N, C-alpha and C. Protein backbone atom coordinates (compact mmCIF):
# COMPACT_ATOMS: atom_id res chain seq x y z
N UNK A 1 0.85 -1.16 0.00
CA UNK A 1 0.00 0.00 0.00
C UNK A 1 0.90 1.23 0.00
N UNK A 2 0.59 2.20 -0.85
CA UNK A 2 1.38 3.42 -0.87
C UNK A 2 0.75 4.48 0.04
N UNK A 3 1.45 5.59 0.23
CA UNK A 3 1.00 6.62 1.16
C UNK A 3 -0.33 7.24 0.73
N UNK A 4 -0.50 7.45 -0.57
CA UNK A 4 -1.72 8.06 -1.07
C UNK A 4 -2.95 7.20 -0.76
N UNK A 5 -2.82 5.89 -0.99
CA UNK A 5 -3.93 4.99 -0.69
C UNK A 5 -4.21 4.92 0.81
N UNK A 6 -3.14 4.97 1.62
CA UNK A 6 -3.33 4.95 3.07
C UNK A 6 -4.12 6.17 3.52
N UNK A 7 -3.76 7.36 3.02
CA UNK A 7 -4.47 8.59 3.40
C UNK A 7 -5.92 8.52 2.93
N UNK A 8 -6.15 8.01 1.74
CA UNK A 8 -7.51 7.89 1.21
C UNK A 8 -8.36 6.98 2.10
N UNK A 9 -7.75 5.86 2.57
CA UNK A 9 -8.51 4.92 3.39
C UNK A 9 -8.66 5.39 4.84
N UNK A 10 -7.62 6.04 5.38
CA UNK A 10 -7.65 6.47 6.77
C UNK A 10 -8.39 7.79 6.96
N UNK A 11 -8.50 8.58 5.93
CA UNK A 11 -9.12 9.90 6.01
C UNK A 11 -10.48 9.94 6.69
N UNK A 12 -11.44 9.11 6.27
CA UNK A 12 -12.76 9.16 6.91
C UNK A 12 -12.70 8.88 8.42
N UNK A 13 -11.79 8.04 8.87
CA UNK A 13 -11.69 7.74 10.29
C UNK A 13 -11.14 8.91 11.09
N UNK A 14 -10.31 9.73 10.47
CA UNK A 14 -9.69 10.86 11.16
C UNK A 14 -10.72 11.90 11.56
N UNK A 15 -11.79 12.05 10.78
CA UNK A 15 -12.78 13.09 11.10
C UNK A 15 -13.53 12.78 12.39
N UNK A 16 -13.47 11.55 12.89
CA UNK A 16 -14.15 11.21 14.14
C UNK A 16 -13.25 11.37 15.37
N UNK A 17 -11.97 11.69 15.18
CA UNK A 17 -11.06 11.84 16.31
C UNK A 17 -11.52 12.89 17.33
N UNK A 18 -12.09 14.04 16.92
CA UNK A 18 -12.54 15.01 17.93
C UNK A 18 -13.61 14.46 18.86
N UNK A 19 -14.32 13.43 18.45
CA UNK A 19 -15.38 12.87 19.29
C UNK A 19 -14.85 11.92 20.36
N UNK A 20 -13.60 11.52 20.25
CA UNK A 20 -13.06 10.52 21.17
C UNK A 20 -13.12 11.00 22.61
N UNK A 21 -12.81 12.27 22.87
CA UNK A 21 -12.82 12.73 24.26
C UNK A 21 -14.24 12.96 24.78
N UNK A 22 -15.25 12.87 23.96
CA UNK A 22 -16.63 13.02 24.38
C UNK A 22 -17.26 11.67 24.74
N UNK A 23 -16.55 10.56 24.46
CA UNK A 23 -17.08 9.24 24.78
C UNK A 23 -16.93 9.01 26.27
N UNK A 24 -17.99 8.59 26.93
CA UNK A 24 -17.91 8.32 28.36
C UNK A 24 -17.79 6.81 28.58
N UNK A 25 -17.06 6.47 29.60
CA UNK A 25 -16.86 5.07 29.94
C UNK A 25 -17.49 4.79 31.30
N UNK A 26 -17.96 3.60 31.47
CA UNK A 26 -18.57 3.19 32.73
C UNK A 26 -17.50 3.04 33.80
N UNK A 27 -17.85 3.37 35.04
CA UNK A 27 -16.92 3.20 36.15
C UNK A 27 -16.87 1.76 36.65
N UNK A 28 -17.83 0.95 36.24
CA UNK A 28 -17.85 -0.43 36.73
C UNK A 28 -16.82 -1.27 35.96
N UNK A 29 -16.25 -2.21 36.67
CA UNK A 29 -15.25 -3.11 36.10
C UNK A 29 -15.90 -4.47 35.93
N UNK A 30 -15.83 -5.05 34.74
CA UNK A 30 -16.45 -6.38 34.57
C UNK A 30 -15.72 -7.42 35.43
N UNK A 31 -16.49 -8.35 35.97
CA UNK A 31 -15.94 -9.39 36.82
C UNK A 31 -15.71 -10.65 35.99
N UNK A 32 -14.53 -11.19 36.10
CA UNK A 32 -14.19 -12.41 35.38
C UNK A 32 -13.95 -13.50 36.41
N UNK A 33 -14.69 -14.59 36.30
CA UNK A 33 -14.55 -15.70 37.23
C UNK A 33 -13.99 -16.90 36.49
N UNK A 34 -12.93 -17.50 37.04
CA UNK A 34 -12.30 -18.65 36.40
C UNK A 34 -12.32 -19.81 37.38
N UNK A 35 -12.91 -20.90 36.95
CA UNK A 35 -12.96 -22.10 37.78
C UNK A 35 -11.65 -22.87 37.66
N UNK A 36 -11.20 -23.42 38.76
CA UNK A 36 -9.98 -24.22 38.74
C UNK A 36 -10.27 -25.70 38.48
N UNK A 37 -11.53 -26.05 38.41
CA UNK A 37 -11.91 -27.44 38.14
C UNK A 37 -11.72 -27.75 36.66
N UNK A 38 -11.07 -28.87 36.33
CA UNK A 38 -10.89 -29.21 34.91
C UNK A 38 -12.23 -29.54 34.25
N UNK A 39 -12.37 -29.13 33.02
CA UNK A 39 -13.59 -29.42 32.26
C UNK A 39 -13.48 -30.71 31.48
N UNK A 40 -12.24 -31.10 31.14
CA UNK A 40 -12.02 -32.26 30.29
C UNK A 40 -10.83 -33.06 30.79
N UNK A 41 -10.80 -34.32 30.47
CA UNK A 41 -9.60 -35.13 30.68
C UNK A 41 -8.67 -34.87 29.51
N UNK A 42 -7.41 -34.64 29.81
CA UNK A 42 -6.44 -34.36 28.76
C UNK A 42 -5.60 -35.60 28.47
N UNK A 43 -5.31 -35.78 27.21
CA UNK A 43 -4.49 -36.91 26.79
C UNK A 43 -3.06 -36.75 27.30
N UNK A 44 -2.44 -37.84 27.76
CA UNK A 44 -1.03 -37.74 28.17
C UNK A 44 -0.11 -37.46 26.99
N UNK A 45 -0.61 -37.61 25.77
CA UNK A 45 0.21 -37.33 24.59
C UNK A 45 0.40 -35.83 24.38
N UNK A 46 -0.44 -35.04 25.01
CA UNK A 46 -0.28 -33.59 24.88
C UNK A 46 0.94 -33.13 25.67
N UNK A 47 1.16 -33.75 26.82
CA UNK A 47 2.29 -33.38 27.66
C UNK A 47 3.50 -34.20 27.25
N UNK A 48 4.49 -33.55 26.73
CA UNK A 48 5.66 -34.27 26.26
C UNK A 48 6.89 -33.40 26.47
N UNK A 49 8.04 -33.99 26.25
CA UNK A 49 9.29 -33.27 26.27
C UNK A 49 9.73 -33.06 24.83
N UNK A 50 10.53 -32.05 24.61
CA UNK A 50 11.10 -31.89 23.28
C UNK A 50 12.57 -31.55 23.41
N UNK A 51 13.30 -31.86 22.35
CA UNK A 51 14.72 -31.55 22.32
C UNK A 51 15.00 -30.75 21.07
N UNK A 52 15.70 -29.66 21.24
CA UNK A 52 16.01 -28.81 20.11
C UNK A 52 17.39 -28.23 20.34
N UNK A 53 18.24 -28.19 19.32
CA UNK A 53 19.59 -27.64 19.52
C UNK A 53 19.57 -26.13 19.65
N UNK A 54 19.54 -25.64 20.88
CA UNK A 54 19.50 -24.21 21.12
C UNK A 54 20.84 -23.65 21.56
N UNK A 55 21.72 -24.48 22.05
CA UNK A 55 23.01 -24.01 22.52
C UNK A 55 23.49 -24.86 23.67
N UNK A 56 24.68 -24.57 24.17
CA UNK A 56 25.25 -25.42 25.21
C UNK A 56 25.01 -24.90 26.61
N UNK A 57 24.37 -23.77 26.76
CA UNK A 57 24.17 -23.21 28.09
C UNK A 57 22.72 -23.26 28.53
N UNK A 58 21.96 -24.16 27.97
CA UNK A 58 20.55 -24.25 28.33
C UNK A 58 20.11 -25.71 28.33
N UNK A 59 18.82 -25.94 28.40
CA UNK A 59 18.31 -27.31 28.48
C UNK A 59 18.05 -27.88 27.09
N UNK A 60 19.03 -27.82 26.24
CA UNK A 60 18.86 -28.28 24.87
C UNK A 60 19.62 -29.57 24.63
N UNK A 61 19.61 -30.01 23.40
CA UNK A 61 20.31 -31.22 23.01
C UNK A 61 21.79 -31.13 23.34
N UNK A 62 22.43 -30.05 22.97
CA UNK A 62 23.87 -29.89 23.22
C UNK A 62 24.19 -29.95 24.70
N UNK A 63 23.34 -29.35 25.53
CA UNK A 63 23.59 -29.34 26.97
C UNK A 63 23.37 -30.71 27.59
N UNK A 64 22.59 -31.56 26.94
CA UNK A 64 22.30 -32.91 27.46
C UNK A 64 23.35 -33.93 27.03
N UNK A 65 24.25 -33.54 26.14
CA UNK A 65 25.25 -34.46 25.58
C UNK A 65 26.57 -34.31 26.31
N UNK A 66 27.20 -35.41 26.65
CA UNK A 66 28.53 -35.40 27.27
C UNK A 66 29.56 -35.59 26.15
N UNK A 67 30.23 -34.52 25.78
CA UNK A 67 31.19 -34.59 24.67
C UNK A 67 32.45 -35.37 25.04
N UNK A 68 32.69 -35.56 26.33
CA UNK A 68 33.85 -36.35 26.76
C UNK A 68 33.65 -37.84 26.53
N UNK A 69 32.44 -38.31 26.78
CA UNK A 69 32.14 -39.74 26.60
C UNK A 69 31.43 -40.02 25.28
N UNK A 70 31.09 -38.94 24.57
CA UNK A 70 30.35 -39.07 23.31
C UNK A 70 29.04 -39.82 23.51
N UNK A 71 28.32 -39.44 24.57
CA UNK A 71 27.06 -40.08 24.89
C UNK A 71 26.21 -39.10 25.70
N UNK A 72 24.97 -39.47 25.94
CA UNK A 72 24.08 -38.63 26.74
C UNK A 72 24.57 -38.60 28.18
N UNK A 73 24.42 -37.44 28.82
CA UNK A 73 24.80 -37.32 30.22
C UNK A 73 23.93 -38.25 31.06
N UNK A 74 24.55 -38.94 32.01
CA UNK A 74 23.82 -39.90 32.86
C UNK A 74 22.67 -39.25 33.61
N UNK A 75 22.90 -38.04 34.14
CA UNK A 75 21.83 -37.39 34.90
C UNK A 75 20.64 -37.02 34.02
N UNK A 76 20.89 -36.70 32.77
CA UNK A 76 19.80 -36.40 31.84
C UNK A 76 18.98 -37.66 31.57
N UNK A 77 19.67 -38.77 31.35
CA UNK A 77 18.98 -40.05 31.12
C UNK A 77 18.14 -40.41 32.34
N UNK A 78 18.74 -40.32 33.53
CA UNK A 78 18.04 -40.69 34.76
C UNK A 78 16.81 -39.80 34.99
N UNK A 79 16.98 -38.49 34.85
CA UNK A 79 15.86 -37.57 35.06
C UNK A 79 14.76 -37.78 34.03
N UNK A 80 15.14 -38.07 32.81
CA UNK A 80 14.13 -38.32 31.77
C UNK A 80 13.36 -39.60 32.08
N UNK A 81 14.06 -40.62 32.57
CA UNK A 81 13.37 -41.86 32.96
C UNK A 81 12.38 -41.59 34.09
N UNK A 82 12.79 -40.78 35.08
CA UNK A 82 11.90 -40.45 36.19
C UNK A 82 10.70 -39.63 35.71
N UNK A 83 10.96 -38.74 34.78
CA UNK A 83 9.88 -37.93 34.22
C UNK A 83 8.90 -38.78 33.43
N UNK A 84 9.41 -39.80 32.77
CA UNK A 84 8.61 -40.76 31.99
C UNK A 84 7.64 -40.07 31.03
N UNK A 85 8.17 -39.25 30.12
CA UNK A 85 7.27 -38.57 29.19
C UNK A 85 6.60 -39.57 28.25
N UNK A 86 5.36 -39.30 27.91
CA UNK A 86 4.64 -40.17 26.98
C UNK A 86 5.20 -40.09 25.58
N UNK A 87 5.87 -39.00 25.29
CA UNK A 87 6.42 -38.79 23.94
C UNK A 87 7.58 -37.82 24.05
N UNK A 88 8.56 -37.96 23.19
CA UNK A 88 9.65 -36.99 23.08
C UNK A 88 9.69 -36.53 21.64
N UNK A 89 9.62 -35.23 21.47
CA UNK A 89 9.53 -34.64 20.13
C UNK A 89 10.86 -33.99 19.77
N UNK A 90 11.26 -34.16 18.53
CA UNK A 90 12.50 -33.54 18.06
C UNK A 90 12.19 -32.15 17.55
N UNK A 91 12.77 -31.18 18.21
CA UNK A 91 12.74 -29.81 17.72
C UNK A 91 11.39 -29.14 17.71
N UNK A 92 11.46 -27.85 17.51
CA UNK A 92 10.28 -27.03 17.33
C UNK A 92 10.37 -26.46 15.93
N UNK A 93 10.63 -25.17 15.85
CA UNK A 93 10.80 -24.52 14.55
C UNK A 93 12.00 -25.12 13.82
N UNK A 94 13.00 -25.54 14.57
CA UNK A 94 14.21 -26.12 13.99
C UNK A 94 13.89 -27.30 13.09
N UNK A 95 12.89 -28.08 13.46
CA UNK A 95 12.56 -29.28 12.68
C UNK A 95 11.98 -28.93 11.31
N UNK A 96 11.58 -27.69 11.12
CA UNK A 96 11.03 -27.28 9.82
C UNK A 96 12.07 -27.31 8.71
N UNK A 97 13.32 -27.07 9.07
CA UNK A 97 14.36 -27.04 8.03
C UNK A 97 15.50 -28.03 8.31
N UNK A 98 15.33 -28.86 9.32
CA UNK A 98 16.35 -29.85 9.65
C UNK A 98 16.37 -30.94 8.58
N UNK A 99 17.56 -31.30 8.12
CA UNK A 99 17.71 -32.37 7.13
C UNK A 99 18.22 -33.60 7.86
N UNK A 100 17.31 -34.52 8.14
CA UNK A 100 17.64 -35.66 9.00
C UNK A 100 18.75 -36.52 8.43
N UNK A 101 18.88 -36.60 7.12
CA UNK A 101 19.92 -37.45 6.52
C UNK A 101 21.32 -36.91 6.81
N UNK A 102 21.41 -35.61 7.10
CA UNK A 102 22.71 -35.03 7.44
C UNK A 102 23.10 -35.31 8.89
N UNK A 103 22.18 -35.87 9.66
CA UNK A 103 22.45 -36.20 11.05
C UNK A 103 22.63 -37.69 11.28
N UNK A 104 22.96 -38.44 10.23
CA UNK A 104 23.22 -39.88 10.35
C UNK A 104 24.59 -40.19 9.76
N UNK A 105 25.07 -41.38 10.03
CA UNK A 105 26.37 -41.78 9.50
C UNK A 105 27.49 -41.40 10.44
N UNK A 106 28.72 -41.67 10.03
CA UNK A 106 29.87 -41.33 10.89
C UNK A 106 29.86 -39.84 11.23
N UNK A 107 30.03 -39.54 12.49
CA UNK A 107 29.93 -38.15 12.95
C UNK A 107 30.98 -37.26 12.31
N UNK A 108 32.15 -37.81 12.02
CA UNK A 108 33.21 -36.99 11.41
C UNK A 108 32.84 -36.57 9.99
N UNK A 109 31.90 -37.27 9.36
CA UNK A 109 31.50 -36.95 7.98
C UNK A 109 30.25 -36.08 7.90
N UNK A 110 29.66 -35.75 9.02
CA UNK A 110 28.42 -34.96 9.01
C UNK A 110 28.72 -33.49 8.73
N UNK A 111 27.97 -32.95 7.81
CA UNK A 111 28.15 -31.54 7.45
C UNK A 111 27.40 -30.64 8.41
N UNK A 112 28.05 -29.59 8.88
CA UNK A 112 27.32 -28.62 9.71
C UNK A 112 26.30 -27.87 8.86
N UNK A 113 25.28 -27.35 9.51
CA UNK A 113 24.26 -26.60 8.78
C UNK A 113 24.03 -25.26 9.47
N UNK A 114 23.59 -24.30 8.70
CA UNK A 114 23.29 -22.98 9.22
C UNK A 114 21.98 -23.04 9.99
N UNK A 115 22.00 -22.55 11.21
CA UNK A 115 20.78 -22.48 12.01
C UNK A 115 20.10 -21.16 11.64
N UNK A 116 19.15 -21.22 10.73
CA UNK A 116 18.53 -20.00 10.22
C UNK A 116 17.58 -19.36 11.22
N UNK A 117 17.18 -20.08 12.25
CA UNK A 117 16.26 -19.52 13.23
C UNK A 117 16.98 -18.64 14.24
N UNK A 118 18.10 -19.11 14.81
CA UNK A 118 18.80 -18.38 15.85
C UNK A 118 20.19 -17.93 15.45
N UNK A 119 20.60 -18.28 14.24
CA UNK A 119 21.93 -17.91 13.79
C UNK A 119 22.97 -18.92 14.23
N UNK A 120 24.13 -18.81 13.69
CA UNK A 120 25.20 -19.73 14.03
C UNK A 120 25.11 -21.03 13.25
N UNK A 121 26.01 -21.93 13.57
CA UNK A 121 26.06 -23.20 12.86
C UNK A 121 25.63 -24.33 13.79
N UNK A 122 24.92 -25.28 13.23
CA UNK A 122 24.53 -26.50 13.94
C UNK A 122 25.50 -27.59 13.49
N UNK A 123 26.18 -28.23 14.41
CA UNK A 123 27.25 -29.16 14.08
C UNK A 123 26.76 -30.50 13.53
N UNK A 124 25.53 -30.86 13.81
CA UNK A 124 24.98 -32.18 13.45
C UNK A 124 25.71 -33.32 14.14
N UNK A 125 26.49 -33.01 15.17
CA UNK A 125 27.17 -34.07 15.91
C UNK A 125 26.21 -34.83 16.80
N UNK A 126 25.13 -34.19 17.18
CA UNK A 126 24.06 -34.85 17.92
C UNK A 126 22.87 -34.80 16.98
N UNK A 127 22.76 -35.83 16.19
CA UNK A 127 21.78 -35.83 15.11
C UNK A 127 20.68 -36.85 15.28
N UNK A 128 20.16 -37.28 14.16
CA UNK A 128 19.03 -38.19 14.12
C UNK A 128 19.31 -39.48 14.87
N UNK A 129 20.46 -40.08 14.62
CA UNK A 129 20.82 -41.36 15.25
C UNK A 129 20.88 -41.21 16.77
N UNK A 130 21.51 -40.15 17.24
CA UNK A 130 21.65 -39.95 18.68
C UNK A 130 20.29 -39.69 19.33
N UNK A 131 19.43 -38.94 18.64
CA UNK A 131 18.10 -38.68 19.19
C UNK A 131 17.29 -39.97 19.32
N UNK A 132 17.33 -40.80 18.29
CA UNK A 132 16.62 -42.08 18.35
C UNK A 132 17.19 -42.94 19.47
N UNK A 133 18.50 -42.92 19.65
CA UNK A 133 19.13 -43.66 20.74
C UNK A 133 18.63 -43.15 22.09
N UNK A 134 18.50 -41.85 22.23
CA UNK A 134 18.00 -41.26 23.48
C UNK A 134 16.58 -41.74 23.77
N UNK A 135 15.77 -41.77 22.73
CA UNK A 135 14.37 -42.21 22.92
C UNK A 135 14.32 -43.65 23.39
């Protein structure tokens, strides 16, 4: 939309601006009541954990991996077992452009990829195979 069309469309609304201060509002405040009782039973499949490579200083895939042993951290495995999620999902927005075939095979041969969502490079060192192993 160009400026001329914007002025043409917005113009009629501008003539009502002087009336805005003449509008009166009620002093009463509407009351909103929220019940804490559940209305429905929810499927356990709705509640799940997800893993997404966000970085090494948070609760992401990289932070759950022990690079010294080349395996998942023991405490992450133990806590996940205790949590007993009904499902574990790979990624959020990241999964939209993740190429799973680049996350399989010998780790030394995996090509890094550009993380277009948060910037930086994704190493693919913790890829499809490792995620399936975690599950």
